[in-house]
Amino acid sequence: MPKPKPARARGRPERVVTVDFGPAQRLANGTAWVAYRADPESPARPSVKAASAKIIYHQLWLAGHLTDEHHEAADRYLTRLEVASGAQVDTRGNGAASYGPTVAQVAALADLRVADAAIGPAPLVAGVRTVIGWNIWPPDLEVGAFRAALGRLAEAWGM
C-alpha cells in the first residue's frame, strides 16, 4: 500500500494548529496589552510588568465614545449575565433530585429581560450581549448602535 503524500505535496498548504491561547497569543491578536503596575506583594519595589485583558466597552469608554452612564450600564449588564449563568434544571422526571436556579439567578434573569426589552430588537440584543458578555465585537455592529443601546439601557435602569 503506497504511503499517503503530505498536504504540501498534494498542493494544499499545511494547516497551522495553534494550541497556545496564553499571553503570547493574546498579545499577538490584540486582546491583551502589557503595562507596568505596582507590585502588590512589595509596594516599595519598582513597577512590575503585567498583562491585562482589553475589555471592549471599557476601551470605548476610555476613548470617549461612551459616557459614564453607558459604562455603568455595561458593567451592570455584565454582572447580571454572570449571576444568571449556570442555572441548571433537571427535566428527566425519573425521580432524580431536581434543582433549579437560585433566587439571585432568577432576579438576574428578570433584570436581563427588562434590559433586553429596553435595548431593542433581538439582533441588537445579541450584539450587545456578545460585546459585553463575550468581549467580542461582531462585524455587523456599529459603535453608534451600541452606544444608543447602552443609552436606552441606562435610562431603563435609571442611571
C-alpha atoms as a PDB file:
ATOM      1  CA  MET A   1       0.000   0.000   0.000  1.00  0.00           C
ATOM      2  CA  PRO A   2       1.509   3.366  -1.003  1.00  0.00           C
ATOM      3  CA  LYS A   3       2.268   5.878   1.667  1.00  0.00           C
ATOM      4  CA  PRO A   4      -0.055   8.961   1.527  1.00  0.00           C
ATOM      5  CA  LYS A   5       1.558  12.188   0.398  1.00  0.00           C
ATOM      6  CA  PRO A   6       1.803  15.077   2.848  1.00  0.00           C
ATOM      7  CA  ALA A   7      -0.581  18.007   2.380  1.00  0.00           C
ATOM      8  CA  ARG A   8       2.156  20.198   0.902  1.00  0.00           C
ATOM      9  CA  ALA A   9       2.865  17.629  -1.839  1.00  0.00           C
ATOM     10  CA  ARG A  10      -0.844  17.480  -2.724  1.00  0.00           C
ATOM     11  CA  GLY A  11      -0.813  21.210  -3.472  1.00  0.00           C
ATOM     12  CA  ARG A  12      -2.539  22.423  -0.306  1.00  0.00           C
ATOM     13  CA  PRO A  13      -0.753  24.310   2.442  1.00  0.00           C
ATOM     14  CA  GLU A  14      -0.464  22.544   5.738  1.00  0.00           C
ATOM     15  CA  ARG A  15      -2.818  23.846   8.412  1.00  0.00           C
ATOM     16  CA  VAL A  16      -1.123  25.530  11.302  1.00  0.00           C
ATOM     17  CA  VAL A  17      -2.685  24.419  14.564  1.00  0.00           C
ATOM     18  CA  THR A  18      -2.489  26.955  17.370  1.00  0.00           C
ATOM     19  CA  VAL A  19      -2.662  25.328  20.754  1.00  0.00           C
ATOM     20  CA  ASP A  20      -1.335  28.273  22.732  1.00  0.00           C
ATOM     21  CA  PHE A  21      -4.026  30.699  23.825  1.00  0.00           C
ATOM     22  CA  GLY A  22      -1.873  32.146  26.581  1.00  0.00           C
ATOM     23  CA  PRO A  23      -0.419  35.634  26.919  1.00  0.00           C
ATOM     24  CA  ALA A  24       1.772  35.442  23.812  1.00  0.00           C
ATOM     25  CA  GLN A  25      -1.189  34.589  21.572  1.00  0.00           C
ATOM     26  CA  ARG A  26      -3.438  37.179  23.244  1.00  0.00           C
ATOM     27  CA  LEU A  27      -0.779  39.859  22.772  1.00  0.00           C
ATOM     28  CA  ALA A  28      -0.406  38.853  19.124  1.00  0.00           C
ATOM     29  CA  ASN A  29      -4.138  39.066  18.347  1.00  0.00           C
ATOM     30  CA  GLY A  30      -4.638  42.292  20.312  1.00  0.00           C
ATOM     31  CA  THR A  31      -6.923  41.073  23.091  1.00  0.00           C
ATOM     32  CA  ALA A  32      -4.371  41.869  25.789  1.00  0.00           C
ATOM     33  CA  TRP A  33      -1.872  44.629  26.479  1.00  0.00           C
ATOM     34  CA  VAL A  34       1.226  44.933  28.624  1.00  0.00           C
ATOM     35  CA  ALA A  35       1.620  47.669  31.213  1.00  0.00           C
ATOM     36  CA  TYR A  36       3.663  48.373  34.308  1.00  0.00           C
ATOM     37  CA  ARG A  37       1.970  48.482  37.696  1.00  0.00           C
ATOM     38  CA  ALA A  38       2.903  48.465  41.363  1.00  0.00           C
ATOM     39  CA  ASP A  39       3.791  45.085  42.838  1.00  0.00           C
ATOM     40  CA  PRO A  40       1.012  44.199  45.324  1.00  0.00           C
ATOM     41  CA  GLU A  41       3.298  41.950  47.366  1.00  0.00           C
ATOM     42  CA  SER A  42       6.074  44.522  47.666  1.00  0.00           C
ATOM     43  CA  PRO A  43       4.909  48.131  47.144  1.00  0.00           C
ATOM     44  CA  ALA A  44       8.399  49.543  47.755  1.00  0.00           C
ATOM     45  CA  ARG A  45       9.740  47.581  44.807  1.00  0.00           C
ATOM     46  CA  PRO A  46       9.757  49.174  41.344  1.00  0.00           C
ATOM     47  CA  SER A  47       6.872  48.543  38.998  1.00  0.00           C
ATOM     48  CA  VAL A  48       6.382  45.085  37.540  1.00  0.00           C
ATOM     49  CA  LYS A  49       5.351  44.176  34.012  1.00  0.00           C
ATOM     50  CA  ALA A  50       1.814  42.788  33.825  1.00  0.00           C
ATOM     51  CA  ALA A  51      -0.580  41.777  31.059  1.00  0.00           C
ATOM     52  CA  SER A  52      -4.207  42.872  31.193  1.00  0.00           C
ATOM     53  CA  ALA A  53      -7.165  41.857  29.055  1.00  0.00           C
ATOM     54  CA  LYS A  54      -8.719  44.510  26.832  1.00  0.00           C
ATOM     55  CA  ILE A  55     -12.385  44.930  27.656  1.00  0.00           C
ATOM     56  CA  ILE A  56     -14.046  46.325  24.542  1.00  0.00           C
ATOM     57  CA  TYR A  57     -16.635  48.551  26.171  1.00  0.00           C
ATOM     58  CA  HIS A  58     -14.033  49.850  28.628  1.00  0.00           C
ATOM     59  CA  GLN A  59     -11.733  50.750  25.731  1.00  0.00           C
ATOM     60  CA  LEU A  60     -14.625  52.613  24.054  1.00  0.00           C
ATOM     61  CA  TRP A  61     -15.218  54.481  27.320  1.00  0.00           C
ATOM     62  CA  LEU A  62     -11.532  55.402  27.601  1.00  0.00           C
ATOM     63  CA  ALA A  63     -11.588  56.670  24.000  1.00  0.00           C
ATOM     64  CA  GLY A  64     -14.565  58.917  24.819  1.00  0.00           C
ATOM     65  CA  HIS A  65     -17.163  57.057  22.743  1.00  0.00           C
ATOM     66  CA  LEU A  66     -19.206  56.083  25.818  1.00  0.00           C
ATOM     67  CA  THR A  67     -20.322  58.183  28.782  1.00  0.00           C
ATOM     68  CA  ASP A  68     -20.016  57.171  32.417  1.00  0.00           C
ATOM     69  CA  GLU A  69     -23.674  56.108  32.404  1.00  0.00           C
ATOM     70  CA  HIS A  70     -23.078  53.856  29.385  1.00  0.00           C
ATOM     71  CA  HIS A  71     -20.068  52.295  31.109  1.00  0.00           C
ATOM     72  CA  GLU A  72     -22.010  51.773  34.336  1.00  0.00           C
ATOM     73  CA  ALA A  73     -24.906  50.174  32.412  1.00  0.00           C
ATOM     74  CA  ALA A  74     -22.470  47.819  30.631  1.00  0.00           C
ATOM     75  CA  ASP A  75     -20.887  46.869  33.974  1.00  0.00           C
ATOM     76  CA  ARG A  76     -24.299  46.130  35.481  1.00  0.00           C
ATOM     77  CA  TYR A  77     -25.335  44.122  32.398  1.00  0.00           C
ATOM     78  CA  LEU A  78     -22.134  42.067  32.640  1.00  0.00           C
ATOM     79  CA  THR A  79     -22.740  41.446  36.341  1.00  0.00           C
ATOM     80  CA  ARG A  80     -26.296  40.265  35.626  1.00  0.00           C
ATOM     81  CA  LEU A  81     -25.049  37.966  32.849  1.00  0.00           C
ATOM     82  CA  GLU A  82     -22.504  36.413  35.212  1.00  0.00           C
ATOM     83  CA  VAL A  83     -25.041  35.908  38.007  1.00  0.00           C
ATOM     84  CA  ALA A  84     -27.686  34.473  35.666  1.00  0.00           C
ATOM     85  CA  SER A  85     -25.343  31.936  34.094  1.00  0.00           C
ATOM     86  CA  GLY A  86     -25.110  28.421  35.413  1.00  0.00           C
ATOM     87  CA  ALA A  87     -28.739  27.757  36.334  1.00  0.00           C
ATOM     88  CA  GLN A  88     -29.417  24.048  35.941  1.00  0.00           C
ATOM     89  CA  VAL A  89     -32.788  22.346  35.876  1.00  0.00           C
ATOM     90  CA  ASP A  90     -33.202  18.579  35.876  1.00  0.00           C
ATOM     91  CA  THR A  91     -36.013  17.736  33.458  1.00  0.00           C
ATOM     92  CA  ARG A  92     -35.528  13.963  33.330  1.00  0.00           C
ATOM     93  CA  GLY A  93     -38.575  13.374  35.517  1.00  0.00           C
ATOM     94  CA  ASN A  94     -37.465   9.904  36.591  1.00  0.00           C
ATOM     95  CA  GLY A  95     -37.411  10.562  40.313  1.00  0.00           C
ATOM     96  CA  ALA A  96     -33.957  12.111  40.334  1.00  0.00           C
ATOM     97  CA  ALA A  97     -33.438  15.063  42.607  1.00  0.00           C
ATOM     98  CA  SER A  98     -34.209  18.180  40.633  1.00  0.00           C
ATOM     99  CA  TYR A  99     -32.803  21.564  41.367  1.00  0.00           C
ATOM    100  CA  GLY A 100     -33.372  24.898  39.773  1.00  0.00           C
ATOM    101  CA  PRO A 101     -31.851  28.334  39.656  1.00  0.00           C
ATOM    102  CA  THR A 102     -31.108  30.223  42.841  1.00  0.00           C
ATOM    103  CA  VAL A 103     -33.031  33.308  43.928  1.00  0.00           C
ATOM    104  CA  ALA A 104     -30.154  35.527  42.775  1.00  0.00           C
ATOM    105  CA  GLN A 105     -30.161  33.871  39.357  1.00  0.00           C
ATOM    106  CA  VAL A 106     -33.910  34.367  38.970  1.00  0.00           C
ATOM    107  CA  ALA A 107     -33.575  38.053  39.928  1.00  0.00           C
ATOM    108  CA  ALA A 108     -30.709  38.472  37.465  1.00  0.00           C
ATOM    109  CA  LEU A 109     -32.710  36.806  34.697  1.00  0.00           C
ATOM    110  CA  ALA A 110     -35.655  39.126  35.379  1.00  0.00           C
ATOM    111  CA  ASP A 111     -33.317  42.125  35.288  1.00  0.00           C
ATOM    112  CA  LEU A 112     -31.841  40.872  31.995  1.00  0.00           C
ATOM    113  CA  ARG A 113     -35.308  40.533  30.465  1.00  0.00           C
ATOM    114  CA  VAL A 114     -36.045  44.163  31.357  1.00  0.00           C
ATOM    115  CA  ALA A 115     -32.652  45.163  29.939  1.00  0.00           C
ATOM    116  CA  ASP A 116     -33.147  43.205  26.716  1.00  0.00           C
ATOM    117  CA  ALA A 117     -36.573  44.793  26.214  1.00  0.00           C
ATOM    118  CA  ALA A 118     -35.010  48.240  26.678  1.00  0.00           C
ATOM    119  CA  ILE A 119     -32.127  47.553  24.274  1.00  0.00           C
ATOM    120  CA  GLY A 120     -34.386  46.871  21.324  1.00  0.00           C
ATOM    121  CA  PRO A 121     -34.676  44.233  18.603  1.00  0.00           C
ATOM    122  CA  ALA A 122     -33.189  40.751  19.003  1.00  0.00           C
ATOM    123  CA  PRO A 123     -30.190  41.249  16.652  1.00  0.00           C
ATOM    124  CA  LEU A 124     -29.120  44.311  18.640  1.00  0.00           C
ATOM    125  CA  VAL A 125     -29.598  42.436  21.928  1.00  0.00           C
ATOM    126  CA  ALA A 126     -27.411  39.634  20.563  1.00  0.00           C
ATOM    127  CA  GLY A 127     -24.737  42.145  19.512  1.00  0.00           C
ATOM    128  CA  VAL A 128     -24.723  43.911  22.882  1.00  0.00           C
ATOM    129  CA  ARG A 129     -24.600  40.584  24.700  1.00  0.00           C
ATOM    130  CA  THR A 130     -21.694  39.457  22.504  1.00  0.00           C
ATOM    131  CA  VAL A 131     -19.700  42.620  23.194  1.00  0.00           C
ATOM    132  CA  ILE A 132     -20.378  42.766  26.919  1.00  0.00           C
ATOM    133  CA  GLY A 133     -20.626  39.082  27.808  1.00  0.00           C
ATOM    134  CA  TRP A 134     -18.084  37.524  25.449  1.00  0.00           C
ATOM    135  CA  ASN A 135     -15.817  40.537  24.820  1.00  0.00           C
ATOM    136  CA  ILE A 136     -16.062  40.016  21.044  1.00  0.00           C
ATOM    137  CA  TRP A 137     -17.019  42.742  18.583  1.00  0.00           C
ATOM    138  CA  PRO A 138     -19.426  41.372  15.939  1.00  0.00           C
ATOM    139  CA  PRO A 139     -18.675  42.659  12.425  1.00  0.00           C
ATOM    140  CA  ASP A 140     -22.245  43.863  11.813  1.00  0.00           C
ATOM    141  CA  LEU A 141     -22.486  46.054  14.945  1.00  0.00           C
ATOM    142  CA  GLU A 142     -21.729  49.776  14.731  1.00  0.00           C
ATOM    143  CA  VAL A 143     -20.411  51.861  17.604  1.00  0.00           C
ATOM    144  CA  GLY A 144     -23.362  54.266  17.288  1.00  0.00           C
ATOM    145  CA  ALA A 145     -25.904  51.455  17.606  1.00  0.00           C
ATOM    146  CA  PHE A 146     -24.026  50.046  20.606  1.00  0.00           C
ATOM    147  CA  ARG A 147     -23.919  53.478  22.231  1.00  0.00           C
ATOM    148  CA  ALA A 148     -27.648  54.050  21.611  1.00  0.00           C
ATOM    149  CA  ALA A 149     -28.488  50.622  23.047  1.00  0.00           C
ATOM    150  CA  LEU A 150     -26.477  51.357  26.189  1.00  0.00           C
ATOM    151  CA  GLY A 151     -28.194  54.747  26.438  1.00  0.00           C
ATOM    152  CA  ARG A 152     -31.633  53.076  26.396  1.00  0.00           C
ATOM    153  CA  LEU A 153     -30.369  50.544  28.925  1.00  0.00           C
ATOM    154  CA  ALA A 154     -29.105  53.281  31.258  1.00  0.00           C
ATOM    155  CA  GLU A 155     -32.470  55.068  31.004  1.00  0.00           C
ATOM    156  CA  ALA A 156     -34.364  51.856  31.785  1.00  0.00           C
ATOM    157  CA  TRP A 157     -32.222  51.277  34.866  1.00  0.00           C
ATOM    158  CA  GLY A 158     -32.435  54.925  35.961  1.00  0.00           C
ATOM    159  CA  MET A 159     -28.745  55.782  35.731  1.00  0.00           C
END
